[in-house]
N, C-alpha and C. Protein backbone atom coordinates (compact mmCIF):
# COMPACT_ATOMS: atom_id res chain seq x y z
N MET A 1 1.16 -1.32 -0.47
CA MET A 1 0.42 0.07 -0.15
C MET A 1 0.49 1.60 -0.01
N ALA A 2 0.82 2.28 -1.22
CA ALA A 2 1.49 3.39 -0.94
C ALA A 2 1.11 4.38 0.59
N LYS A 3 1.98 4.93 0.30
CA LYS A 3 2.36 6.30 1.04
C LYS A 3 1.03 7.09 1.14
N HIS A 4 0.57 7.97 2.58
CA HIS A 4 -0.29 8.87 1.91
C HIS A 4 0.10 9.17 2.44
N GLY A 5 1.06 10.34 3.23
CA GLY A 5 2.49 11.35 3.21
C GLY A 5 2.58 11.24 4.82
N ASN A 6 3.34 12.60 4.45
CA ASN A 6 4.25 12.86 5.58
C ASN A 6 2.54 14.27 6.66
N VAL A 7 2.17 13.20 7.79
CA VAL A 7 0.94 14.13 8.86
C VAL A 7 1.93 14.94 10.02
N LEU A 8 1.31 15.56 10.73
CA LEU A 8 1.86 16.62 11.19
C LEU A 8 0.99 17.14 12.76
N LEU A 9 0.97 16.16 13.80
CA LEU A 9 -0.22 16.14 14.99
C LEU A 9 0.56 17.81 15.48
N LEU A 10 -1.00 18.70 15.90
CA LEU A 10 0.24 19.50 16.71
C LEU A 10 -0.99 19.30 17.89
N GLY A 11 -0.42 19.92 19.49
CA GLY A 11 -0.55 19.66 20.80
C GLY A 11 -0.92 17.41 20.88
N MET A 12 0.40 17.33 19.71
CA MET A 12 -0.13 16.07 20.43
C MET A 12 0.67 15.16 20.69
N VAL A 13 1.70 13.78 20.94
CA VAL A 13 3.06 13.16 21.21
C VAL A 13 2.36 11.49 21.10
N PHE A 14 3.96 10.82 20.18
CA PHE A 14 3.53 9.89 19.66
C PHE A 14 4.02 8.89 20.74
N SER A 15 3.92 8.37 22.01
CA SER A 15 4.59 7.94 23.40
C SER A 15 5.46 7.18 22.72
N SER A 16 7.39 6.47 23.24
CA SER A 16 7.33 5.22 22.83
C SER A 16 7.62 3.60 23.34
N GLU A 17 6.61 4.45 24.42
CA GLU A 17 5.91 3.00 25.27
C GLU A 17 5.10 3.17 24.76
N ALA A 18 5.52 1.01 24.41
CA ALA A 18 4.15 0.29 24.00
C ALA A 18 2.96 0.36 24.17
N ILE A 19 2.48 0.36 25.74
CA ILE A 19 1.52 0.28 26.44
C ILE A 19 1.12 1.72 26.90
N PRO A 20 1.15 2.81 26.86
CA PRO A 20 1.39 3.93 27.46
C PRO A 20 0.36 4.45 28.59
N LYS A 21 0.53 5.03 29.66
CA LYS A 21 0.02 4.13 31.17
C LYS A 21 -1.13 6.18 29.70
N ARG A 22 -2.01 6.08 31.22
CA ARG A 22 -3.57 6.01 29.92
C ARG A 22 -3.48 7.81 30.67
N GLY A 23 -4.27 9.03 29.41
CA GLY A 23 -3.93 9.83 29.55
C GLY A 23 -3.23 10.20 27.85
N GLN A 24 -2.84 11.25 28.16
CA GLN A 24 -2.72 11.56 27.31
C GLN A 24 -1.38 10.99 25.96
N GLU A 25 -0.29 10.59 26.73
CA GLU A 25 0.15 9.67 25.71
C GLU A 25 -0.45 8.30 25.29
N TYR A 26 -1.58 7.57 26.51
CA TYR A 26 -1.89 6.76 25.35
C TYR A 26 -3.07 7.20 24.41
N ARG A 27 -4.11 8.11 24.63
CA ARG A 27 -4.86 8.09 23.40
C ARG A 27 -4.01 8.30 22.23
N ASP A 28 -2.97 9.39 22.23
CA ASP A 28 -2.44 9.91 21.23
C ASP A 28 -1.48 9.10 21.09
N ARG A 29 -1.42 8.33 21.35
CA ARG A 29 -0.73 6.75 21.16
C ARG A 29 -1.57 5.90 20.16
N VAL A 30 -3.04 5.55 19.56
CA VAL A 30 -4.11 5.20 19.84
C VAL A 30 -4.52 5.62 18.13
N ARG A 31 -4.40 7.44 18.37
CA ARG A 31 -4.90 7.73 17.36
C ARG A 31 -2.99 8.21 16.20
N CYS A 32 -1.93 7.73 16.46
CA CYS A 32 -0.76 7.99 15.38
C CYS A 32 -0.58 6.69 15.46
N GLU A 33 -0.38 5.50 15.67
CA GLU A 33 -0.62 4.01 15.35
C GLU A 33 -1.89 3.43 14.43
N ALA A 34 -3.13 4.47 14.51
CA ALA A 34 -4.40 5.08 13.35
C ALA A 34 -3.73 5.01 11.91
N LEU A 35 -3.03 6.04 12.25
CA LEU A 35 -2.49 6.90 10.96
C LEU A 35 -1.59 6.40 10.76
N GLU A 36 -0.60 5.42 10.99
CA GLU A 36 0.32 4.37 10.86
C GLU A 36 -0.20 3.24 10.09
N GLY A 37 -0.74 2.71 10.48
CA GLY A 37 -2.27 2.57 9.72
C GLY A 37 -2.12 2.46 8.60
N LEU A 38 -3.12 3.08 8.77
CA LEU A 38 -3.55 4.09 6.84
C LEU A 38 -2.44 3.97 6.58
N ASN A 39 -0.88 4.38 6.73
CA ASN A 39 -0.04 4.45 5.77
C ASN A 39 0.77 5.50 6.05
N TYR A 40 0.48 7.01 6.50
CA TYR A 40 0.58 7.80 7.24
C TYR A 40 2.16 7.83 7.55
N LYS A 41 3.18 9.22 7.83
CA LYS A 41 4.17 8.52 8.19
C LYS A 41 3.81 10.11 9.44
N VAL A 42 3.64 9.33 10.69
CA VAL A 42 3.07 10.39 12.15
C VAL A 42 4.18 11.33 12.73
N LYS A 43 4.26 12.17 12.50
CA LYS A 43 5.02 13.71 13.32
C LYS A 43 4.53 13.98 14.79
N THR A 44 4.68 14.24 15.65
CA THR A 44 4.09 15.17 16.95
C THR A 44 5.09 16.05 17.41
N LEU A 45 4.24 17.20 17.66
CA LEU A 45 4.14 18.25 18.21
C LEU A 45 3.60 18.51 19.37
N ASP A 46 3.82 18.76 20.78
CA ASP A 46 3.85 19.89 21.79
C ASP A 46 4.65 20.11 22.23
N ASN A 47 4.08 20.84 23.76
CA ASN A 47 5.73 21.81 24.64
C ASN A 47 4.96 20.46 25.64
N LYS A 48 4.90 19.66 26.42
CA LYS A 48 4.72 19.85 27.00
C LYS A 48 6.14 17.45 27.44
N HIS A 49 6.04 17.34 25.98
CA HIS A 49 6.91 16.15 25.72
C HIS A 49 8.33 16.63 25.90
N SER A 50 8.97 15.96 26.54
CA SER A 50 10.76 16.17 26.48
C SER A 50 10.56 14.85 24.39
N ASP A 51 10.97 15.63 23.42
CA ASP A 51 11.45 15.07 22.15
C ASP A 51 12.86 14.61 22.29
N ILE A 52 13.98 13.92 22.76
CA ILE A 52 14.87 14.16 23.41
C ILE A 52 15.13 12.72 23.10
N THR A 53 14.30 11.59 22.90
CA THR A 53 14.68 10.57 23.15
C THR A 53 13.30 10.03 21.97
N LEU A 54 12.82 10.38 21.45
CA LEU A 54 11.24 10.66 20.70
C LEU A 54 11.83 11.05 19.11
N SER A 55 12.00 10.82 18.48
CA SER A 55 12.48 10.70 16.51
C SER A 55 11.90 11.64 16.11
N ASN A 56 9.91 11.40 16.28
CA ASN A 56 9.01 11.94 14.97
C ASN A 56 7.92 12.38 16.25
N HIS A 57 8.98 12.83 17.48
CA HIS A 57 8.62 13.90 18.65
C HIS A 57 9.17 15.77 18.16
N CYS A 58 8.68 17.19 18.24
CA CYS A 58 9.32 17.74 18.16
C CYS A 58 8.19 18.62 19.04
N THR A 59 9.44 19.13 20.39
CA THR A 59 9.34 20.08 21.72
C THR A 59 9.37 21.47 21.38
N ALA A 60 7.66 21.78 21.37
CA ALA A 60 7.63 23.54 20.61
C ALA A 60 5.78 23.31 21.37
N ASN A 61 6.20 25.44 21.63
CA ASN A 61 5.09 25.87 21.71
C ASN A 61 4.37 25.90 20.56
N PHE A 62 3.54 25.05 19.91
CA PHE A 62 2.54 26.13 17.80
C PHE A 62 1.84 27.75 17.97
N SER A 63 1.40 27.78 19.99
CA SER A 63 1.10 29.01 19.53
C SER A 63 2.15 30.32 19.09
N ASP A 64 3.50 30.45 18.87
CA ASP A 64 4.57 30.59 18.75
C ASP A 64 4.63 30.11 17.65
N THR A 65 4.17 30.24 16.71
CA THR A 65 4.53 30.38 15.51
C THR A 65 5.86 30.80 14.99
N ARG A 66 6.89 32.18 14.84
CA ARG A 66 8.67 31.89 14.59
C ARG A 66 9.37 31.12 15.04
N ARG A 67 8.85 29.92 16.81
CA ARG A 67 10.00 29.75 17.69
C ARG A 67 9.10 27.77 16.90
N MET A 68 8.12 27.51 16.39
CA MET A 68 7.78 26.55 16.79
C MET A 68 8.57 26.61 15.29
N VAL A 69 8.32 26.74 14.48
CA VAL A 69 8.72 26.78 13.04
C VAL A 69 10.52 26.49 13.04
N LYS A 70 11.08 26.89 13.74
CA LYS A 70 12.28 26.97 14.18
C LYS A 70 12.51 25.61 14.55
N ALA A 71 12.59 25.29 15.63
CA ALA A 71 12.35 23.78 16.00
C ALA A 71 12.10 22.58 15.84
N ILE A 72 10.91 22.44 14.59
CA ILE A 72 10.44 22.14 13.94
C ILE A 72 12.45 21.79 12.43
N SER A 73 12.69 22.82 12.43
CA SER A 73 13.58 22.72 11.32
C SER A 73 14.83 22.34 11.78
N ASN A 74 15.65 22.75 13.48
CA ASN A 74 16.30 22.05 14.23
C ASN A 74 16.18 20.53 14.33
N LYS A 75 14.73 20.18 14.78
CA LYS A 75 15.04 18.28 14.79
C LYS A 75 14.38 18.09 13.96
N TRP A 76 14.17 18.11 12.50
CA TRP A 76 13.30 17.94 11.26
C TRP A 76 14.81 18.34 10.39
N GLY A 77 15.12 19.09 10.05
CA GLY A 77 15.66 19.73 8.59
C GLY A 77 14.81 20.27 8.01
N SER A 78 14.61 19.20 6.65
CA SER A 78 13.75 19.94 5.38
C SER A 78 12.30 19.77 5.06
N GLU A 79 11.52 18.41 6.40
CA GLU A 79 10.85 17.71 6.80
C GLU A 79 9.01 19.02 5.78
N THR A 80 8.66 17.95 4.63
CA THR A 80 7.98 18.51 4.73
C THR A 80 6.44 17.96 5.23
N PHE A 81 4.93 18.40 5.12
CA PHE A 81 3.75 17.93 5.30
C PHE A 81 3.10 18.30 5.51
N ASP A 82 1.80 17.10 4.56
CA ASP A 82 0.75 16.74 3.17
C ASP A 82 0.25 17.79 4.15
N HIS A 83 -0.28 16.81 5.44
CA HIS A 83 -1.16 17.59 6.48
C HIS A 83 -1.19 17.49 7.76
N VAL A 84 -1.34 19.00 7.93
CA VAL A 84 -1.40 19.39 9.59
C VAL A 84 -2.54 19.41 9.96
N ILE A 85 -3.00 19.16 11.63
CA ILE A 85 -3.97 18.78 11.80
C ILE A 85 -3.49 18.48 13.20
N LEU A 86 -4.59 19.82 13.72
CA LEU A 86 -4.58 20.60 15.31
C LEU A 86 -5.42 19.76 15.86
N ASP A 87 -4.96 19.10 17.57
CA ASP A 87 -6.04 18.75 17.68
C ASP A 87 -6.55 19.23 18.56
N TYR A 88 -6.22 20.11 19.21
CA TYR A 88 -7.78 21.25 19.95
C TYR A 88 -6.18 22.17 21.48
N PHE A 89 -7.22 22.94 21.54
CA PHE A 89 -5.87 23.50 22.66
C PHE A 89 -6.86 24.80 23.48
N MET A 90 -6.70 24.60 24.41
CA MET A 90 -7.31 25.94 25.02
C MET A 90 -7.12 27.83 25.50
N SER A 91 -8.32 27.97 25.12
CA SER A 91 -8.11 29.95 25.31
C SER A 91 -9.46 30.41 25.89
N PRO A 92 -9.24 31.86 26.21
CA PRO A 92 -10.31 32.38 26.48
C PRO A 92 -11.61 32.09 25.70
N VAL A 93 -12.89 32.61 26.78
CA VAL A 93 -13.84 32.35 26.65
C VAL A 93 -14.47 33.97 26.41
N LYS A 94 -16.02 33.81 25.56
CA LYS A 94 -16.60 34.65 25.00
C LYS A 94 -16.30 35.48 23.48
N LYS A 95 -16.21 36.35 23.11
CA LYS A 95 -16.03 37.15 22.19
C LYS A 95 -15.15 36.55 21.98
N THR A 96 -13.82 37.05 22.48
CA THR A 96 -12.45 36.60 22.61
C THR A 96 -11.69 35.07 22.04
N ALA A 97 -12.62 34.41 23.06
CA ALA A 97 -12.03 32.54 22.56
C ALA A 97 -11.95 33.04 21.27
N VAL A 98 -13.76 33.44 19.71
CA VAL A 98 -13.56 33.46 18.82
C VAL A 98 -12.95 34.24 18.10
N LEU A 99 -12.85 35.55 18.76
CA LEU A 99 -11.00 35.93 18.18
C LEU A 99 -9.68 35.24 18.35
N CYS A 100 -9.30 35.49 19.49
CA CYS A 100 -8.03 34.39 19.43
C CYS A 100 -8.02 33.22 18.88
N SER A 101 -8.69 32.14 18.45
CA SER A 101 -8.94 31.19 18.44
C SER A 101 -9.03 31.11 16.48
N THR A 102 -9.30 32.22 16.00
CA THR A 102 -9.31 32.51 14.51
C THR A 102 -8.07 33.09 14.19
N SER A 103 -7.00 34.05 14.79
CA SER A 103 -6.09 33.79 14.70
C SER A 103 -4.77 34.28 14.82
N LEU A 104 -5.23 32.43 15.99
CA LEU A 104 -4.27 31.51 16.33
C LEU A 104 -3.93 30.31 15.27
N ILE A 105 -5.09 30.61 15.28
CA ILE A 105 -5.02 29.07 13.39
C ILE A 105 -4.80 29.15 12.24
N ILE A 106 -4.82 30.58 12.27
CA ILE A 106 -4.39 32.22 11.44
C ILE A 106 -2.73 31.59 10.89
N ALA A 107 -3.04 32.30 12.03
CA ALA A 107 -0.90 31.62 12.43
C ALA A 107 -0.54 31.10 11.86
N ILE A 108 -0.58 29.59 12.16
CA ILE A 108 -0.09 28.59 12.93
C ILE A 108 0.02 28.02 11.46
N VAL A 109 -1.33 28.09 10.83
CA VAL A 109 -1.39 27.94 8.84
C VAL A 109 -0.28 28.59 8.42
N TYR A 110 -0.18 29.68 8.31
CA TYR A 110 0.75 30.98 7.79
C TYR A 110 2.13 30.47 7.86
N ALA A 111 2.66 29.94 8.81
CA ALA A 111 3.78 29.78 9.74
C ALA A 111 4.03 28.21 8.90
N ILE A 112 3.25 27.83 9.04
CA ILE A 112 3.39 26.51 8.26
C ILE A 112 3.99 26.39 6.62
N LEU A 113 3.06 26.67 6.06
CA LEU A 113 2.89 27.63 4.84
C LEU A 113 4.24 28.57 4.48
N THR A 114 4.77 29.24 5.34
CA THR A 114 5.92 30.02 5.00
C THR A 114 7.31 29.13 4.94
N MET A 115 6.46 28.08 5.33
CA MET A 115 8.28 27.09 5.41
C MET A 115 8.42 26.13 5.35
N LEU A 116 7.39 25.77 4.29
CA LEU A 116 6.52 24.52 3.09
C LEU A 116 7.48 24.84 2.34
N LEU A 117 7.59 25.95 2.53
CA LEU A 117 7.22 27.21 1.03
C LEU A 117 9.36 27.13 0.29
N SER A 118 9.40 28.13 1.68
CA SER A 118 10.86 28.62 1.11
C SER A 118 11.31 27.04 1.16
N THR A 119 11.21 25.74 1.60
CA THR A 119 11.94 24.50 1.25
C THR A 119 11.64 23.62 0.03
N THR A 120 10.83 24.85 -0.67
CA THR A 120 10.45 23.72 -2.32
C THR A 120 11.17 24.69 -3.36
């Protein structure tokens, strides 16, 4: 079966434990393995888990797009992604939530597109 391409999962970690403890590591590993089962090459990025022993994980805060792009480049070089999936994030409430959420997503998409276009 052909590879579907590279996917970057923001706010997730691909745990190295075969059976990780319950919680985020368990939930995220199930999702990552499901995508690998569909022939995606999975990479993850979040700011809560160290990437020192995880080759497919980058430690960075995706809401700080400048540093996120630098961390991705330092970790994986000129790696490109066919898909970028944002798991979830905490945001303020009411009108501020809509404005912050929209602007944050636009900033993330812009930063990743700029990075991808600069490597081609």
